[in-house]
């Protein structure tokens, strides 16, 4: 197939073209951030023209918003494996979620990073739209964790009073912070160690059976 024919085929599938731009944006911004990624770079990575870019997105910020939303849906779908079995003990569900998180650190040649965390760190103070989008995704993660902690609190006797939402935000902060430090120090093992400590902390909130 010629380049012209391939381009024509892509143009006939706008949903696929839009997704290619999102995929390219995620790859580039995870590696070099928002400021370090230009529209030209995104178009080259996606194999599209600038005209194709602006057919789908008004500017780089609107594409970054779509990328954050896509990342949130993708992440939630993976985390949902932890709580999809409603008959499972809620503490076991939390353990599963931590195991899923640890699994992200074992992908060969890929450092464990988060699009939401990176955009939050870089743009929360300068882009109200991206700050709001990132807050939405962080809150969703926290809500799921808090739901499991609340269910665990009903099933198991707590050692002391605790607020499931506050603990969930602590776990979220530990997760995001660990990815940031792990990326800087080039250490996936450190992230896994922090997740083990998080598991011990959660288990320590409750009396042993």
Protein backbone atom coordinates (compact mmCIF):
# COMPACT_ATOMS: atom_id res chain seq x y z
CA UNK A 1 0.00 0.00 0.00
CA UNK A 2 1.36 3.42 -0.96
CA UNK A 3 1.81 6.19 1.62
CA UNK A 4 -0.99 8.15 -0.02
CA UNK A 5 -3.37 5.18 0.12
CA UNK A 6 -2.47 4.52 3.76
CA UNK A 7 -3.10 8.16 4.63
CA UNK A 8 -6.46 8.08 2.84
CA UNK A 9 -7.44 4.93 4.75
CA UNK A 10 -6.56 6.58 8.07
CA UNK A 11 -8.57 9.65 7.19
CA UNK A 12 -11.61 7.43 6.67
CA UNK A 13 -11.35 6.17 10.23
CA UNK A 14 -11.43 9.32 12.40
CA UNK A 15 -11.75 7.40 15.66
CA UNK A 16 -8.57 5.45 14.94
CA UNK A 17 -6.75 8.62 13.87
CA UNK A 18 -7.79 10.37 17.07
CA UNK A 19 -6.61 7.41 19.14
CA UNK A 20 -3.25 7.38 17.36
CA UNK A 21 -2.73 10.99 18.39
CA UNK A 22 -3.64 10.14 22.00
CA UNK A 23 -1.32 7.11 22.03
CA UNK A 24 1.54 9.18 20.62
CA UNK A 25 0.93 11.91 23.18
CA UNK A 26 0.98 9.45 26.08
CA UNK A 27 4.25 7.89 24.90
CA UNK A 28 5.96 11.23 24.39
CA UNK A 29 4.68 13.05 27.48
CA UNK A 30 5.48 10.13 29.78
CA UNK A 31 9.03 10.33 28.47
CA UNK A 32 9.59 14.10 28.22
CA UNK A 33 6.64 15.93 29.74
CA UNK A 34 4.13 18.42 28.34
CA UNK A 35 6.51 21.31 27.75
CA UNK A 36 9.07 19.07 26.07
CA UNK A 37 6.54 17.68 23.61
CA UNK A 38 5.54 19.72 20.57
CA UNK A 39 2.65 19.29 18.15
CA UNK A 40 5.20 18.49 15.44
CA UNK A 41 6.64 15.70 17.59
CA UNK A 42 3.19 14.27 18.22
CA UNK A 43 2.32 14.32 14.52
CA UNK A 44 5.59 12.61 13.62
CA UNK A 45 5.10 9.96 16.32
CA UNK A 46 1.52 9.32 15.19
CA UNK A 47 2.39 9.39 11.49
CA UNK A 48 -0.07 12.20 10.80
CA UNK A 49 -0.02 15.71 9.38
CA UNK A 50 -0.67 18.91 11.30
CA UNK A 51 -3.89 19.22 9.36
CA UNK A 52 -4.95 15.85 10.74
CA UNK A 53 -3.99 16.96 14.23
CA UNK A 54 -6.08 20.13 14.13
CA UNK A 55 -9.00 18.23 12.63
CA UNK A 56 -9.29 16.34 15.91
CA UNK A 57 -7.89 18.73 18.54
CA UNK A 58 -7.90 22.48 19.02
CA UNK A 59 -4.41 22.57 20.53
CA UNK A 60 -1.86 20.57 22.52
CA UNK A 61 -3.70 21.17 25.81
CA UNK A 62 -6.95 19.70 24.48
CA UNK A 63 -5.04 16.64 23.32
CA UNK A 64 -3.35 16.32 26.72
CA UNK A 65 -6.80 16.44 28.32
CA UNK A 66 -7.95 13.58 26.09
CA UNK A 67 -4.78 11.66 26.96
CA UNK A 68 -5.37 12.09 30.71
CA UNK A 69 -8.98 10.92 30.34
CA UNK A 70 -7.89 7.92 28.27
CA UNK A 71 -5.20 7.07 30.83
CA UNK A 72 -7.78 7.20 33.61
CA UNK A 73 -10.13 4.81 31.82
CA UNK A 74 -7.30 2.44 30.99
CA UNK A 75 -5.97 2.45 34.55
CA UNK A 76 -9.38 1.99 36.14
CA UNK A 77 -10.07 -0.99 33.89
CA UNK A 78 -6.86 -2.64 35.11
CA UNK A 79 -7.47 -1.83 38.77
CA UNK A 80 -11.03 -3.15 38.50
CA UNK A 81 -9.61 -6.67 38.38
CA UNK A 82 -8.95 -6.23 42.12
CA UNK A 83 -12.54 -5.65 43.17
CA UNK A 84 -14.60 -7.33 40.44
CA UNK A 85 -15.11 -10.40 42.65
CA UNK A 86 -17.53 -9.00 45.22
CA UNK A 87 -17.39 -12.21 47.28
CA UNK A 88 -13.70 -11.66 48.01
CA UNK A 89 -12.64 -10.30 51.40
CA UNK A 90 -12.15 -6.51 50.97
CA UNK A 91 -8.65 -6.77 52.44
CA UNK A 92 -7.84 -9.39 49.81
CA UNK A 93 -9.18 -6.98 47.19
CA UNK A 94 -6.80 -4.30 48.47
CA UNK A 95 -3.95 -6.80 48.33
CA UNK A 96 -4.86 -7.55 44.72
CA UNK A 97 -4.83 -3.87 43.85
CA UNK A 98 -1.37 -3.45 45.40
CA UNK A 99 -0.19 -6.50 43.44
CA UNK A 100 -1.52 -4.95 40.23
CA UNK A 101 0.38 -1.76 41.03
CA UNK A 102 3.56 -3.73 41.69
CA UNK A 103 3.06 -5.48 38.37
CA UNK A 104 3.40 -2.15 36.58
CA UNK A 105 7.02 -2.03 37.79
CA UNK A 106 7.93 -5.35 36.17
CA UNK A 107 7.44 -4.46 32.52
CA UNK A 108 10.80 -4.96 30.74
CA UNK A 109 12.40 -1.71 29.64
CA UNK A 110 9.51 0.46 30.88
CA UNK A 111 9.75 2.68 33.93
CA UNK A 112 6.61 2.83 36.05
CA UNK A 113 5.12 6.30 35.50
CA UNK A 114 1.65 7.85 35.55
CA UNK A 115 0.26 10.30 33.00
CA UNK A 116 -2.04 11.80 35.64
CA UNK A 117 0.77 12.25 38.14
CA UNK A 118 3.13 13.79 35.59
CA UNK A 119 0.55 16.25 34.26
CA UNK A 120 -0.45 17.14 37.83
CA UNK A 121 3.12 17.93 38.79
CA UNK A 122 3.86 19.94 35.66
CA UNK A 123 0.61 21.78 34.96
CA UNK A 124 -1.64 21.96 38.04
CA UNK A 125 -0.55 25.55 38.73
CA UNK A 126 -0.82 26.78 35.14
CA UNK A 127 -3.67 24.89 33.45
CA UNK A 128 -7.01 24.89 35.31
CA UNK A 129 -8.48 22.44 32.80
CA UNK A 130 -5.71 19.88 33.21
CA UNK A 131 -5.60 20.39 36.97
CA UNK A 132 -9.32 19.60 37.13
CA UNK A 133 -8.97 16.55 34.87
CA UNK A 134 -6.10 15.18 36.96
CA UNK A 135 -7.99 15.84 40.20
CA UNK A 136 -10.93 13.88 38.82
CA UNK A 137 -8.78 10.83 38.07
CA UNK A 138 -6.91 10.98 41.39
CA UNK A 139 -10.21 11.26 43.25
CA UNK A 140 -11.65 8.29 41.37
CA UNK A 141 -8.69 6.09 42.39
CA UNK A 142 -9.06 7.27 45.99
CA UNK A 143 -12.80 6.58 45.97
CA UNK A 144 -12.26 2.96 44.92
CA UNK A 145 -9.58 2.45 47.58
CA UNK A 146 -11.76 4.08 50.24
CA UNK A 147 -14.68 1.83 49.32
CA UNK A 148 -12.57 -1.27 49.93
CA UNK A 149 -11.21 0.14 53.19
CA UNK A 150 -14.74 0.93 54.38
CA UNK A 151 -15.86 -2.60 53.57
CA UNK A 152 -12.83 -4.02 55.37
CA UNK A 153 -13.68 -1.88 58.39
CA UNK A 154 -17.10 -3.52 58.56
CA UNK A 155 -15.72 -7.04 58.20
CA UNK A 156 -12.63 -6.78 60.42
CA UNK A 157 -12.15 -5.18 63.83
CA UNK A 158 -10.01 -2.03 63.50
CA UNK A 159 -7.08 -1.59 65.87
CA UNK A 160 -7.98 2.10 66.20
CA UNK A 161 -10.31 4.60 64.59
CA UNK A 162 -9.37 5.68 61.08
CA UNK A 163 -11.02 7.48 58.19
CA UNK A 164 -11.05 5.27 55.06
CA UNK A 165 -10.96 8.31 52.78
CA UNK A 166 -7.92 9.79 54.54
CA UNK A 167 -6.11 6.45 54.39
CA UNK A 168 -7.01 6.10 50.70
CA UNK A 169 -5.53 9.54 49.97
CA UNK A 170 -2.39 8.51 51.88
CA UNK A 171 -2.06 5.39 49.72
CA UNK A 172 -2.63 7.42 46.58
CA UNK A 173 0.05 9.91 47.64
CA UNK A 174 2.48 7.09 48.45
CA UNK A 175 1.82 5.51 45.03
CA UNK A 176 2.25 8.72 43.05
CA UNK A 177 5.27 9.81 45.07
CA UNK A 178 6.92 6.42 44.70
CA UNK A 179 6.58 6.54 40.93
CA UNK A 180 8.11 10.03 40.88
CA UNK A 181 11.08 9.05 43.05
CA UNK A 182 11.43 5.71 41.28
CA UNK A 183 11.65 7.45 37.93
CA UNK A 184 14.23 9.92 39.22
CA UNK A 185 16.35 7.27 40.94
CA UNK A 186 15.78 4.70 38.18
CA UNK A 187 14.62 2.17 40.74
CA UNK A 188 11.59 -0.02 40.20
CA UNK A 189 12.55 -2.12 43.22
CA UNK A 190 12.09 0.91 45.49
CA UNK A 191 8.50 1.28 44.26
CA UNK A 192 7.78 -2.37 45.01
CA UNK A 193 9.32 -2.03 48.48
CA UNK A 194 7.07 0.97 49.21
CA UNK A 195 4.03 -1.01 48.09
CA UNK A 196 4.99 -3.82 50.47
CA UNK A 197 5.16 -1.26 53.28
CA UNK A 198 1.75 0.05 52.20
CA UNK A 199 0.33 -3.46 52.44
CA UNK A 200 1.78 -3.92 55.93
CA UNK A 201 0.35 -0.56 56.95
CA UNK A 202 -3.13 -1.44 55.70
CA UNK A 203 -3.07 -4.85 57.36
CA UNK A 204 -1.92 -3.20 60.60
CA UNK A 205 -5.09 -1.12 60.71
CA UNK A 206 -7.03 -4.23 61.68
CA UNK A 207 -6.89 -6.86 64.42
CA UNK A 208 -5.64 -10.21 63.25
CA UNK A 209 -8.39 -12.85 62.94
